[in-house]
Amino acid sequence: YGVGNDAVSYLLDGVSFNERHSNSLNLNLIQSEDVDSIEVIPLPRGFLYGAYNNPVGVNFITKDFISIQPYSRIRYYQGTNRDMMFDGIFNAVVTSKLIASFDITNRIYDGTYDNTDYSIWQGKVKLKYLLSNAVNIIASYNYNDYNAGYSGGINVDSIAALGENVNDVLYSPLDNPPMVYPNGELKTLTHLPRLRFLIKPAEWMRSDASLFFMFNRYEKNTSASEYSENKTYGLNIRNDFDYSIFKFQLNVDYEKRDIYSSSAFYNSIDSLPFYVFQNQLDADLFSVSGILSASLDDGNFIPSIYYKTSTYNKNYSQPTSYNDDKTSHGIGVDLLFKIKSSFGLYLGTSILKPYNSSEQEYALIEFGSRYQNEFVFADLKYFYNEYDYGFYTDTGLDILDYIRFGYLNGLGLNLKFNYWKLLLESNSSYSFSVGDKLMGVPEFQTQTGLYYTSVLFNNNLDLKTGFVFYYTGTNNVYTNEHGVTEVPSSYKLDFTLAGEIQKTAIVYFLWQNLLQNDYYITPYYPMPPSNIRFGFAWELFN
């Protein structure tokens, strides 16, 4: 929805996974093999979930299954420049009421250019206790240790100063082009222990309650060093009530945060005639949201109304002690209308007031339609997002130095067409700014694949293979090193093959960038040239 990474609530099974200091998330920290599905919450409802009132919400739903026999799964892939991943999952019934599982992942990449390597270790341990048919207790622990070179991209200014053609050097790693930070590095360490209760005290009520602690340490070393550390103690409760035609969902979130950052917080205080720079704060967040729905005409017509209120109390301690209290609230309505089993419409709108002293409110609107039959699946959406936020660059003196994200509208189309043994899949979006210009969002982008699918060799091989075309339009991208850069449009073509053998093992083969196209998405980090990756996944029982 074009709001940027630090205006999105990234949830892990309903609990906020954002780094609390920056209110953003490095998506590499999501343990992909543990994810069952990803829920992109409709724009009008995005602010309802999590303690913080971000306008957009994305929920990563993890795998949760019971295998009577001990179950193991191994996945491995390898590509050029030591681009490798190993993931191992084990799940077993310890007793009739206790299930244990763990998942460990390691990914590494050496990089084509200097100081673009990375490594990440990830782990998850889970114990699920089936106390009764109505009560399940889940204890889990997530761990991430991320280390990466932070080069800042290729130093195009120094190349130009030498009188060389930038593009000739930019895409020539053998020439060792200069990097902005030859020795820069980025480190992130997270711990997330969680105790979760799934309770169904009655047929008309379900509860999902979690107690959690999240520790996050962030280090960035370039020409200067940045360090932040935050500790969050939290409570997350979701209650679902179902009575007759009515459904009501009540969400309660509380977080207590202790945050330290070497880069000062920059906050205006209404009672002071100047800006105050702080390094340490503790904060209390409390939010309550509710959704009331009515299922009419056998579920074919579902109107809903929802509301959320949130308070954010900050207590700064270094170097000046003071409090900063803010409130945020939002209200909205939406309608789901199923014209027939294969065709439905959605329309929703909400008003959100963010955490600031201004009384300004933002409209969030989305409507769309979905159609599905045995050959076609089509999901078309339009959204209008008034929410925006921004910041000044280092000078902070000229309005032209103000970087603004959001305040845009757009169209999205998810299309699948299946005929005979051919499958067409396309995910495309078109965005246009309501304000001055789009920031961080290309005007048009698409990922379209044409595949051959079939079950071969007496049902022993389930095959999907084909070509995938990627196109990204011109994009205005902001980075600390290069300011706002207009990134030119780019494209690439991949060949992919995946085959499932006897419903036990899967083999992968990927040939990326067949056309050897030179391009970058983030200034100035050239994307990989033509390269090959292969791998497998193998499930084992007992």
Protein backbone atom coordinates (compact mmCIF):
# COMPACT_ATOMS: atom_id res chain seq x y z
CA TYR A 1 0.00 0.00 0.00
CA GLY A 2 2.99 2.29 -0.48
CA VAL A 3 3.54 3.41 3.11
CA GLY A 4 7.14 2.21 3.46
CA ASN A 5 8.63 -0.45 5.71
CA ASP A 6 8.34 1.54 8.94
CA ALA A 7 4.57 2.10 8.77
CA VAL A 8 3.67 -1.61 8.59
CA SER A 9 2.79 -3.87 11.54
CA TYR A 10 4.54 -7.18 10.84
CA LEU A 11 2.87 -9.82 13.01
CA LEU A 12 4.03 -13.32 13.85
CA ASP A 13 0.90 -15.30 14.76
CA GLY A 14 -0.75 -12.06 15.84
CA VAL A 15 2.17 -10.67 17.89
CA SER A 16 4.14 -7.69 16.59
CA PHE A 17 7.59 -8.71 15.29
CA ASN A 18 8.74 -5.18 14.39
CA GLU A 19 12.03 -3.81 15.68
CA ARG A 20 10.64 -1.40 18.27
CA HIS A 21 13.15 1.45 17.85
CA SER A 22 12.72 1.87 14.08
CA ASN A 23 9.18 0.40 13.90
CA SER A 24 10.33 -1.66 10.91
CA LEU A 25 11.48 -5.18 10.11
CA ASN A 26 14.29 -6.79 8.16
CA LEU A 27 12.28 -9.49 6.38
CA ASN A 28 15.32 -11.77 6.40
CA LEU A 29 14.47 -12.35 10.07
CA ILE A 30 11.30 -14.26 9.12
CA GLN A 31 12.11 -17.98 9.22
CA SER A 32 10.52 -18.81 5.87
CA GLU A 33 10.33 -22.59 6.27
CA ASP A 34 8.25 -22.14 9.42
CA VAL A 35 5.64 -20.00 7.63
CA ASP A 36 2.39 -21.69 6.62
CA SER A 37 0.71 -18.65 5.04
CA ILE A 38 0.88 -14.85 4.86
CA GLU A 39 -2.19 -12.72 5.52
CA VAL A 40 -2.16 -9.22 4.03
CA ILE A 41 -4.91 -7.49 6.00
CA PRO A 42 -7.20 -5.26 3.88
CA LEU A 43 -6.12 -1.61 4.08
CA PRO A 44 -9.18 -0.32 5.99
CA ARG A 45 -8.53 -2.92 8.74
CA GLY A 46 -4.73 -2.80 8.80
CA PHE A 47 -4.47 -0.59 11.87
CA LEU A 48 -6.59 -2.92 14.05
CA TYR A 49 -3.84 -5.39 14.95
CA GLY A 50 -0.77 -4.93 17.13
CA ALA A 51 -0.18 -2.43 19.93
CA TYR A 52 1.02 0.29 17.54
CA ASN A 53 -1.42 1.95 15.13
CA ASN A 54 0.36 1.39 11.82
CA PRO A 55 -2.00 1.76 8.85
CA VAL A 56 -0.95 -1.53 7.21
CA GLY A 57 -0.86 -4.99 8.78
CA VAL A 58 0.78 -8.25 7.59
CA ASN A 59 0.44 -11.46 9.61
CA PHE A 60 2.85 -14.40 9.17
CA ILE A 61 1.00 -17.55 10.25
CA THR A 62 3.37 -20.33 11.26
CA LYS A 63 2.96 -24.06 10.75
CA ASP A 64 1.10 -26.03 13.39
CA PHE A 65 0.39 -29.68 12.76
CA ILE A 66 0.33 -33.00 14.55
CA SER A 67 2.03 -36.07 13.07
CA ILE A 68 1.36 -39.39 14.80
CA GLN A 69 4.76 -40.63 13.62
CA PRO A 70 7.96 -38.62 14.16
CA TYR A 71 8.33 -36.23 11.23
CA SER A 72 11.48 -34.66 9.76
CA ARG A 73 12.00 -32.35 6.81
CA ILE A 74 15.27 -31.21 5.30
CA ARG A 75 15.63 -28.47 2.72
CA TYR A 76 18.86 -27.44 1.02
CA TYR A 77 19.79 -25.22 -1.91
CA GLN A 78 23.01 -23.91 -3.38
CA GLY A 79 23.85 -21.30 -5.99
CA THR A 80 26.77 -19.25 -7.21
CA ASN A 81 28.95 -17.26 -4.77
CA ARG A 82 28.19 -19.77 -2.01
CA ASP A 83 24.52 -18.80 -2.02
CA MET A 84 23.36 -21.59 0.28
CA MET A 85 20.58 -22.50 2.68
CA PHE A 86 20.01 -25.44 5.01
CA ASP A 87 16.82 -25.95 7.01
CA GLY A 88 15.94 -28.85 9.24
CA ILE A 89 12.56 -29.47 10.92
CA PHE A 90 11.70 -32.17 13.44
CA ASN A 91 8.29 -32.85 15.01
CA ALA A 92 7.37 -35.68 17.40
CA VAL A 93 4.64 -36.69 19.85
CA VAL A 94 6.52 -37.04 23.15
CA THR A 95 3.51 -38.19 25.16
CA SER A 96 -0.18 -38.45 24.40
CA LYS A 97 -0.56 -34.78 25.35
CA LEU A 98 2.85 -33.26 24.58
CA ILE A 99 4.19 -32.43 21.11
CA ALA A 100 7.72 -31.14 20.56
CA SER A 101 9.24 -29.57 17.46
CA PHE A 102 12.22 -27.52 16.37
CA ASP A 103 13.35 -25.78 13.20
CA ILE A 104 16.92 -24.60 12.51
CA THR A 105 17.99 -22.57 9.47
CA ASN A 106 21.30 -21.25 8.16
CA ARG A 107 21.68 -19.05 5.08
CA ILE A 108 24.93 -17.64 3.72
CA TYR A 109 25.99 -15.63 0.68
CA ASP A 110 29.51 -14.52 -0.21
CA GLY A 111 28.46 -11.70 -2.53
CA THR A 112 29.63 -10.74 -6.00
CA TYR A 113 30.94 -7.35 -4.93
CA ASP A 114 33.12 -6.39 -1.97
CA ASN A 115 31.39 -6.33 1.42
CA THR A 116 28.01 -7.65 0.19
CA ASP A 117 28.16 -11.00 2.00
CA TYR A 118 25.74 -12.08 4.72
CA SER A 119 25.03 -14.92 7.12
CA ILE A 120 22.02 -15.69 9.30
CA TRP A 121 21.30 -18.38 11.87
CA GLN A 122 17.68 -18.92 12.87
CA GLY A 123 16.04 -21.31 15.27
CA LYS A 124 12.66 -22.11 16.77
CA VAL A 125 11.73 -24.54 19.53
CA LYS A 126 8.09 -25.29 20.36
CA LEU A 127 6.30 -27.39 22.96
CA LYS A 128 2.54 -27.88 22.62
CA TYR A 129 0.63 -29.30 25.57
CA LEU A 130 -2.91 -30.57 24.95
CA LEU A 131 -4.36 -29.95 28.40
CA SER A 132 -7.88 -30.83 27.21
CA ASN A 133 -10.08 -30.56 24.14
CA ALA A 134 -10.75 -26.96 25.17
CA VAL A 135 -7.28 -25.80 26.25
CA ASN A 136 -3.94 -25.96 24.42
CA ILE A 137 -0.78 -24.40 25.86
CA ILE A 138 2.12 -23.55 23.52
CA ALA A 139 5.58 -22.49 24.66
CA SER A 140 7.91 -21.31 21.90
CA TYR A 141 11.24 -19.56 21.45
CA ASN A 142 12.49 -17.82 18.27
CA TYR A 143 16.12 -16.84 17.70
CA ASN A 144 17.83 -14.79 14.96
CA ASP A 145 21.50 -13.89 14.54
CA TYR A 146 22.01 -11.82 11.38
CA ASN A 147 25.39 -10.54 10.16
CA ALA A 148 25.88 -8.75 6.85
CA GLY A 149 28.35 -6.55 5.09
CA TYR A 150 26.97 -3.02 4.74
CA SER A 151 28.69 -1.47 1.74
CA GLY A 152 26.28 1.41 1.13
CA GLY A 153 26.37 0.43 -2.53
CA ILE A 154 28.95 1.29 -5.16
CA ASN A 155 30.50 4.75 -4.79
CA VAL A 156 29.37 6.17 -8.12
CA ASP A 157 30.61 9.68 -7.22
CA SER A 158 34.21 8.51 -6.94
CA ILE A 159 33.90 6.65 -10.24
CA ALA A 160 32.55 9.74 -11.98
CA ALA A 161 35.30 11.88 -10.38
CA LEU A 162 37.89 9.69 -12.11
CA GLY A 163 36.24 10.39 -15.46
CA GLU A 164 35.13 6.80 -15.98
CA ASN A 165 31.79 5.66 -17.37
CA VAL A 166 29.72 4.72 -14.30
CA ASN A 167 27.79 1.90 -16.02
CA ASP A 168 30.99 0.28 -17.30
CA VAL A 169 32.31 -0.05 -13.76
CA LEU A 170 28.97 -0.51 -11.96
CA TYR A 171 28.30 -3.92 -13.52
CA SER A 172 31.87 -5.19 -13.53
CA PRO A 173 32.63 -6.89 -10.19
CA LEU A 174 36.01 -8.14 -11.47
CA ASP A 175 37.16 -4.51 -11.62
CA ASN A 176 36.51 -4.21 -7.85
CA PRO A 177 34.50 -0.98 -8.00
CA PRO A 178 34.83 1.19 -4.88
CA MET A 179 32.15 0.84 -2.22
CA VAL A 180 30.81 3.66 -0.06
CA TYR A 181 31.71 1.71 3.11
CA PRO A 182 34.38 -0.90 2.31
CA ASN A 183 34.32 -2.20 5.89
CA GLY A 184 30.72 -1.45 6.90
CA GLU A 185 28.71 -4.10 8.73
CA LEU A 186 25.19 -4.71 10.00
CA LYS A 187 24.28 -7.00 12.89
CA THR A 188 20.91 -7.94 14.38
CA LEU A 189 20.22 -10.28 17.28
CA THR A 190 16.69 -11.20 18.41
CA HIS A 191 15.20 -13.42 21.10
CA LEU A 192 11.45 -14.07 21.33
CA PRO A 193 10.18 -16.45 24.05
CA ARG A 194 6.38 -16.74 24.08
CA LEU A 195 3.71 -18.52 26.10
CA ARG A 196 0.42 -18.93 24.22
CA PHE A 197 -2.98 -20.18 25.40
CA LEU A 198 -5.62 -21.40 22.94
CA ILE A 199 -8.89 -21.73 24.83
CA LYS A 200 -12.42 -22.64 23.77
CA PRO A 201 -14.51 -22.36 26.95
CA ALA A 202 -17.80 -22.58 25.03
CA GLU A 203 -19.04 -23.22 21.50
CA TRP A 204 -19.66 -19.51 21.05
CA MET A 205 -16.28 -18.28 22.32
CA ARG A 206 -12.61 -18.77 21.43
CA SER A 207 -9.59 -17.09 23.03
CA ASP A 208 -5.99 -16.75 21.89
CA ALA A 209 -3.79 -15.15 24.57
CA SER A 210 -0.02 -14.68 24.59
CA LEU A 211 2.61 -13.49 27.04
CA PHE A 212 5.91 -12.66 25.37
CA PHE A 213 9.29 -11.01 25.74
CA MET A 214 11.22 -9.64 22.78
CA PHE A 215 14.87 -8.61 22.83
CA ASN A 216 16.42 -6.87 19.83
CA ARG A 217 19.98 -5.60 19.40
CA TYR A 218 20.90 -3.65 16.28
CA GLU A 219 24.41 -2.54 15.26
CA LYS A 220 25.43 -0.61 12.18
CA ASN A 221 29.08 0.27 11.65
CA THR A 222 30.01 2.52 8.75
CA SER A 223 31.97 5.77 8.90
CA ALA A 224 30.14 6.16 12.23
CA SER A 225 28.61 3.58 14.54
CA GLU A 226 24.94 3.15 15.46
CA TYR A 227 23.71 0.93 18.23
CA SER A 228 20.26 0.28 19.63
CA GLU A 229 18.87 -2.22 22.09
CA ASN A 230 15.29 -2.70 23.13
CA LYS A 231 13.42 -5.00 25.48
CA THR A 232 9.67 -5.47 25.16
CA TYR A 233 7.34 -7.24 27.58
CA GLY A 234 3.93 -7.81 26.07
CA LEU A 235 0.44 -9.24 26.35
CA ASN A 236 -1.70 -10.05 23.32
CA ILE A 237 -5.32 -11.27 23.63
CA ARG A 238 -7.81 -12.08 20.90
CA ASN A 239 -11.34 -13.16 21.79
CA ASP A 240 -13.86 -14.30 19.18
CA PHE A 241 -17.54 -14.44 20.07
CA ASP A 242 -20.08 -16.09 17.78
CA TYR A 243 -23.78 -15.77 18.58
CA SER A 244 -26.56 -16.31 16.08
CA ILE A 245 -25.83 -14.13 13.02
CA PHE A 246 -23.38 -11.91 14.92
CA LYS A 247 -19.63 -12.23 15.36
CA PHE A 248 -17.56 -10.00 17.59
CA GLN A 249 -13.78 -9.94 17.82
CA LEU A 250 -12.07 -8.19 20.74
CA ASN A 251 -8.32 -7.53 20.60
CA VAL A 252 -6.26 -6.27 23.53
CA ASP A 253 -2.55 -5.43 23.33
CA TYR A 254 -0.20 -4.14 26.00
CA GLU A 255 3.54 -3.56 25.67
CA LYS A 256 6.16 -2.16 28.00
CA ARG A 257 9.30 -1.14 26.15
CA ASP A 258 12.79 -0.15 27.26
CA ILE A 259 14.73 1.35 24.36
CA TYR A 260 18.26 2.71 24.10
CA SER A 261 19.75 4.15 20.92
CA SER A 262 23.10 5.80 20.23
CA SER A 263 21.37 7.86 17.51
CA ALA A 264 19.21 10.36 19.34
CA PHE A 265 15.43 10.33 19.22
CA TYR A 266 14.12 13.53 17.66
CA ASN A 267 10.86 14.55 19.28
CA SER A 268 9.04 17.82 19.71
CA ILE A 269 7.51 18.55 23.11
CA ASP A 270 4.48 20.78 23.21
CA SER A 271 5.53 22.35 26.53
CA LEU A 272 9.02 23.28 25.29
CA PRO A 273 9.84 25.85 22.60
CA PHE A 274 12.66 23.72 21.13
CA TYR A 275 13.46 20.18 20.01
CA VAL A 276 14.94 17.73 22.50
CA PHE A 277 17.38 14.98 21.56
CA GLN A 278 17.21 11.85 23.71
CA ASN A 279 19.04 8.52 23.84
CA GLN A 280 16.93 6.41 26.19
CA LEU A 281 13.24 5.95 26.85
CA ASP A 282 10.79 3.51 28.26
CA ALA A 283 7.29 3.36 26.87
CA ASP A 284 3.90 1.89 27.65
CA LEU A 285 1.46 1.06 24.84
CA PHE A 286 -2.08 -0.07 25.37
CA SER A 287 -4.66 -0.66 22.65
CA VAL A 288 -8.15 -2.12 22.37
CA SER A 289 -9.95 -2.90 19.12
CA GLY A 290 -13.25 -4.51 18.28
CA ILE A 291 -14.93 -5.82 15.12
CA LEU A 292 -18.67 -6.45 14.99
CA SER A 293 -20.00 -8.40 11.99
CA ALA A 294 -23.39 -9.73 10.97
CA SER A 295 -23.74 -12.73 8.67
CA LEU A 296 -26.88 -12.12 6.63
CA ASP A 297 -28.53 -14.14 3.87
CA ASP A 298 -26.65 -17.35 4.80
CA GLY A 299 -23.30 -15.54 4.84
CA ASN A 300 -23.70 -13.92 1.43
CA PHE A 301 -23.95 -10.41 2.88
CA ILE A 302 -21.57 -9.52 5.76
CA PRO A 303 -21.41 -5.90 6.99
CA SER A 304 -18.87 -5.02 9.69
CA ILE A 305 -17.99 -2.05 11.84
CA TYR A 306 -14.72 -1.70 13.78
CA TYR A 307 -12.88 0.67 16.07
CA LYS A 308 -9.51 0.90 17.80
CA THR A 309 -8.05 3.21 20.41
CA SER A 310 -4.44 3.24 21.50
CA THR A 311 -2.34 5.18 24.00
CA TYR A 312 1.44 5.63 23.78
CA ASN A 313 3.21 6.96 26.85
CA LYS A 314 6.93 7.71 26.46
CA ASN A 315 9.19 8.42 29.42
CA TYR A 316 12.53 9.88 28.37
CA SER A 317 15.45 9.67 30.79
CA GLN A 318 18.66 10.76 29.04
CA PRO A 319 19.75 13.50 29.07
CA THR A 320 16.46 15.20 30.01
CA SER A 321 13.62 13.58 31.92
CA TYR A 322 10.13 14.24 30.61
CA ASN A 323 6.97 12.42 29.51
CA ASP A 324 5.26 12.42 26.15
CA ASP A 325 1.70 11.04 25.98
CA LYS A 326 -0.05 10.46 22.67
CA THR A 327 -3.28 8.77 21.61
CA SER A 328 -4.39 7.29 18.33
CA HIS A 329 -7.72 5.97 17.17
CA GLY A 330 -9.43 4.67 14.07
CA ILE A 331 -12.91 3.68 12.99
CA GLY A 332 -14.18 1.96 9.88
CA VAL A 333 -16.84 -0.09 8.13
CA ASP A 334 -16.70 -2.66 5.38
CA LEU A 335 -18.98 -4.98 3.44
CA LEU A 336 -18.39 -8.43 1.97
CA PHE A 337 -20.99 -9.39 -0.62
CA LYS A 338 -21.02 -12.86 -2.19
CA ILE A 339 -23.11 -12.62 -5.36
CA LYS A 340 -22.60 -16.35 -5.98
CA SER A 341 -20.16 -18.97 -4.74
CA SER A 342 -17.68 -18.01 -7.48
CA PHE A 343 -17.97 -14.21 -7.31
CA GLY A 344 -17.67 -11.74 -4.43
CA LEU A 345 -17.23 -8.03 -3.76
CA TYR A 346 -15.47 -6.18 -0.96
CA LEU A 347 -15.80 -2.51 0.01
CA GLY A 348 -14.23 -0.93 3.06
CA THR A 349 -13.31 2.49 4.41
CA SER A 350 -11.80 3.77 7.64
CA ILE A 351 -10.46 6.91 9.25
CA LEU A 352 -7.19 6.80 11.19
CA LYS A 353 -5.71 9.43 13.48
CA PRO A 354 -2.02 8.58 14.12
CA TYR A 355 0.17 9.34 17.14
CA ASN A 356 0.79 13.06 16.88
CA SER A 357 -0.42 16.30 18.36
CA SER A 358 -2.24 17.20 15.16
CA GLU A 359 -5.94 16.49 14.79
CA GLN A 360 -5.42 15.44 11.16
CA GLU A 361 -7.10 12.18 10.18
CA TYR A 362 -6.40 9.98 7.18
CA ALA A 363 -8.86 8.11 4.96
CA LEU A 364 -8.11 4.49 4.01
CA ILE A 365 -10.32 3.00 1.29
CA GLU A 366 -10.29 -0.30 -0.56
CA PHE A 367 -12.71 -2.10 -2.81
CA GLY A 368 -12.30 -5.13 -4.97
CA SER A 369 -13.82 -8.17 -6.59
CA ARG A 370 -12.87 -11.83 -6.73
CA TYR A 371 -13.92 -14.46 -9.26
CA GLN A 372 -13.03 -18.14 -9.34
CA ASN A 373 -13.95 -21.23 -11.31
CA GLU A 374 -12.11 -24.37 -12.39
CA PHE A 375 -10.09 -22.45 -15.00
CA VAL A 376 -9.71 -18.88 -13.71
CA PHE A 377 -8.92 -17.10 -10.45
CA ALA A 378 -8.97 -13.29 -10.53
CA ASP A 379 -8.63 -10.87 -7.61
CA LEU A 380 -8.82 -7.18 -8.57
CA LYS A 381 -8.40 -4.44 -5.96
CA TYR A 382 -8.33 -0.65 -5.83
CA PHE A 383 -7.07 1.29 -2.81
CA TYR A 384 -6.84 4.91 -1.77
CA ASN A 385 -4.40 5.72 1.03
CA GLU A 386 -4.28 9.23 2.50
CA TYR A 387 -1.82 8.23 5.21
CA ASP A 388 1.61 9.77 4.77
CA TYR A 389 4.69 10.39 6.84
CA GLY A 390 8.13 11.74 6.17
CA PHE A 391 11.32 13.28 7.43
CA TYR A 392 13.85 15.90 6.49
CA THR A 393 17.28 15.05 5.16
CA ASP A 394 20.41 16.21 6.98
CA THR A 395 19.94 19.90 6.18
CA GLY A 396 16.33 20.00 7.33
CA LEU A 397 16.07 23.61 6.12
CA ASP A 398 14.46 23.43 2.72
CA ILE A 399 11.02 22.01 1.95
CA LEU A 400 12.64 20.28 -1.03
CA ASP A 401 14.61 18.17 1.44
CA TYR A 402 11.45 16.66 2.91
CA ILE A 403 11.00 12.99 2.00
CA ARG A 404 7.37 11.86 2.07
CA PHE A 405 6.00 8.32 1.78
CA GLY A 406 2.41 7.26 1.26
CA TYR A 407 -0.51 9.42 0.07
CA LEU A 408 -1.26 7.41 -3.06
CA ASN A 409 -3.78 5.12 -4.67
CA GLY A 410 -3.40 2.10 -6.85
CA LEU A 411 -4.69 -1.03 -8.53
CA GLY A 412 -3.65 -4.63 -7.94
CA LEU A 413 -4.45 -7.76 -9.94
CA ASN A 414 -3.75 -11.35 -8.96
CA LEU A 415 -4.59 -13.63 -11.89
CA LYS A 416 -4.36 -17.38 -12.44
CA PHE A 417 -5.48 -19.14 -15.60
CA ASN A 418 -5.32 -22.91 -15.94
CA TYR A 419 -6.00 -24.65 -19.26
CA TRP A 420 -4.99 -28.21 -20.10
CA LYS A 421 -1.47 -28.51 -18.65
CA LEU A 422 -0.61 -24.83 -18.95
CA LEU A 423 -0.77 -22.45 -15.99
CA LEU A 424 -0.52 -18.66 -16.18
CA GLU A 425 0.12 -16.79 -12.91
CA SER A 426 0.40 -13.02 -12.75
CA ASN A 427 0.65 -10.54 -9.88
CA SER A 428 0.67 -6.91 -11.02
CA SER A 429 0.17 -3.48 -9.50
CA TYR A 430 -0.19 0.08 -10.75
CA SER A 431 0.27 3.02 -8.37
CA PHE A 432 -0.06 6.76 -8.75
CA SER A 433 0.58 9.51 -6.26
CA VAL A 434 -2.08 11.86 -4.96
CA GLY A 435 0.66 14.25 -3.84
CA ASP A 436 3.87 15.34 -5.56
CA LYS A 437 5.39 12.01 -6.62
CA LEU A 438 5.60 8.34 -5.68
CA MET A 439 8.31 7.49 -3.17
CA GLY A 440 9.59 3.94 -2.75
CA VAL A 441 6.86 2.51 -5.00
CA PRO A 442 7.23 1.94 -8.75
CA GLU A 443 4.40 3.15 -10.95
CA PHE A 444 3.99 -0.33 -12.43
CA GLN A 445 5.37 -3.73 -11.55
CA THR A 446 4.51 -7.29 -12.48
CA GLN A 447 5.59 -10.86 -11.89
CA THR A 448 4.12 -13.13 -14.56
CA GLY A 449 4.87 -16.80 -15.07
CA LEU A 450 3.85 -19.33 -17.71
CA TYR A 451 4.23 -22.92 -16.54
CA TYR A 452 3.76 -26.47 -17.73
CA THR A 453 2.20 -28.64 -15.01
CA SER A 454 1.60 -32.37 -15.11
CA VAL A 455 1.69 -35.58 -13.07
CA LEU A 456 4.08 -38.01 -14.77
CA PHE A 457 5.54 -41.51 -14.44
CA ASN A 458 2.50 -43.27 -13.03
CA ASN A 459 1.73 -40.43 -10.59
CA ASN A 460 5.27 -40.53 -9.16
CA LEU A 461 6.28 -37.02 -10.28
CA ASP A 462 4.24 -33.83 -9.86
CA LEU A 463 5.98 -31.33 -12.15
CA LYS A 464 5.76 -27.54 -12.46
CA THR A 465 8.20 -25.81 -14.80
CA GLY A 466 8.23 -22.65 -16.85
CA PHE A 467 9.43 -19.08 -17.30
CA VAL A 468 8.84 -16.11 -14.98
CA PHE A 469 9.06 -12.50 -16.19
CA TYR A 470 9.69 -9.65 -13.74
CA TYR A 471 9.27 -5.98 -14.56
CA THR A 472 9.71 -3.02 -12.21
CA GLY A 473 8.98 0.49 -13.39
CA THR A 474 10.87 3.66 -12.57
CA ASN A 475 11.09 4.17 -8.83
CA ASN A 476 12.19 7.01 -6.54
CA VAL A 477 14.24 5.34 -3.81
CA TYR A 478 15.69 7.03 -0.73
CA THR A 479 18.88 5.80 0.95
CA ASN A 480 21.03 7.50 3.56
CA GLU A 481 24.07 7.25 1.29
CA HIS A 482 22.59 8.62 -1.94
CA GLY A 483 19.47 10.56 -0.95
CA VAL A 484 16.57 10.24 -3.41
CA THR A 485 17.62 8.40 -6.55
CA GLU A 486 15.45 7.76 -9.58
CA VAL A 487 16.01 4.07 -10.23
CA PRO A 488 15.40 3.22 -13.90
CA SER A 489 12.94 0.53 -14.93
CA SER A 490 14.26 -3.02 -15.08
CA TYR A 491 13.28 -6.53 -16.08
CA LYS A 492 14.54 -10.10 -15.89
CA LEU A 493 13.49 -13.53 -17.08
CA ASP A 494 13.94 -16.70 -15.01
CA PHE A 495 13.54 -20.39 -15.76
CA THR A 496 12.21 -22.48 -12.88
CA LEU A 497 11.55 -26.19 -12.34
CA ALA A 498 10.09 -27.93 -9.30
CA GLY A 499 9.15 -31.58 -9.10
CA GLU A 500 7.60 -33.49 -6.20
CA ILE A 501 8.62 -37.15 -6.19
CA GLN A 502 6.19 -39.63 -4.62
CA LYS A 503 4.86 -36.89 -2.33
CA THR A 504 8.04 -37.21 -0.28
CA ALA A 505 10.86 -35.26 -1.94
CA ILE A 506 10.94 -32.06 -3.98
CA VAL A 507 13.76 -31.05 -6.33
CA TYR A 508 14.30 -27.44 -7.41
CA PHE A 509 16.18 -25.84 -10.27
CA LEU A 510 16.31 -22.11 -10.96
CA TRP A 511 18.17 -20.24 -13.70
CA GLN A 512 17.92 -16.54 -12.91
CA ASN A 513 18.30 -13.61 -15.30
CA LEU A 514 18.49 -15.63 -18.50
CA LEU A 515 18.84 -12.48 -20.61
CA GLN A 516 21.86 -11.21 -18.65
CA ASN A 517 20.16 -7.89 -17.92
CA ASP A 518 22.14 -5.33 -15.89
CA TYR A 519 20.02 -3.51 -13.32
CA TYR A 520 19.67 -2.48 -9.71
CA ILE A 521 16.65 -1.97 -7.44
CA THR A 522 18.37 -0.22 -4.52
CA PRO A 523 21.03 2.40 -5.37
CA TYR A 524 23.71 1.28 -6.09
CA TYR A 525 23.60 -2.45 -5.43
CA PRO A 526 23.76 -4.30 -8.78
CA MET A 527 21.50 -7.34 -8.89
CA PRO A 528 23.10 -10.73 -9.66
CA PRO A 529 23.89 -11.58 -13.29
CA SER A 530 22.75 -14.83 -14.85
CA ASN A 531 23.19 -17.61 -12.28
CA ILE A 532 21.92 -21.08 -11.36
CA ARG A 533 20.50 -22.39 -8.10
CA PHE A 534 19.46 -25.97 -7.32
CA GLY A 535 18.16 -27.70 -4.24
CA PHE A 536 15.88 -30.29 -2.70
CA ALA A 537 13.45 -30.83 0.16
CA TRP A 538 12.91 -34.27 1.69
CA GLU A 539 10.23 -35.37 4.14
CA LEU A 540 10.90 -38.31 6.43
CA PHE A 541 8.46 -40.16 8.68
CA ASN A 542 9.40 -42.35 11.64
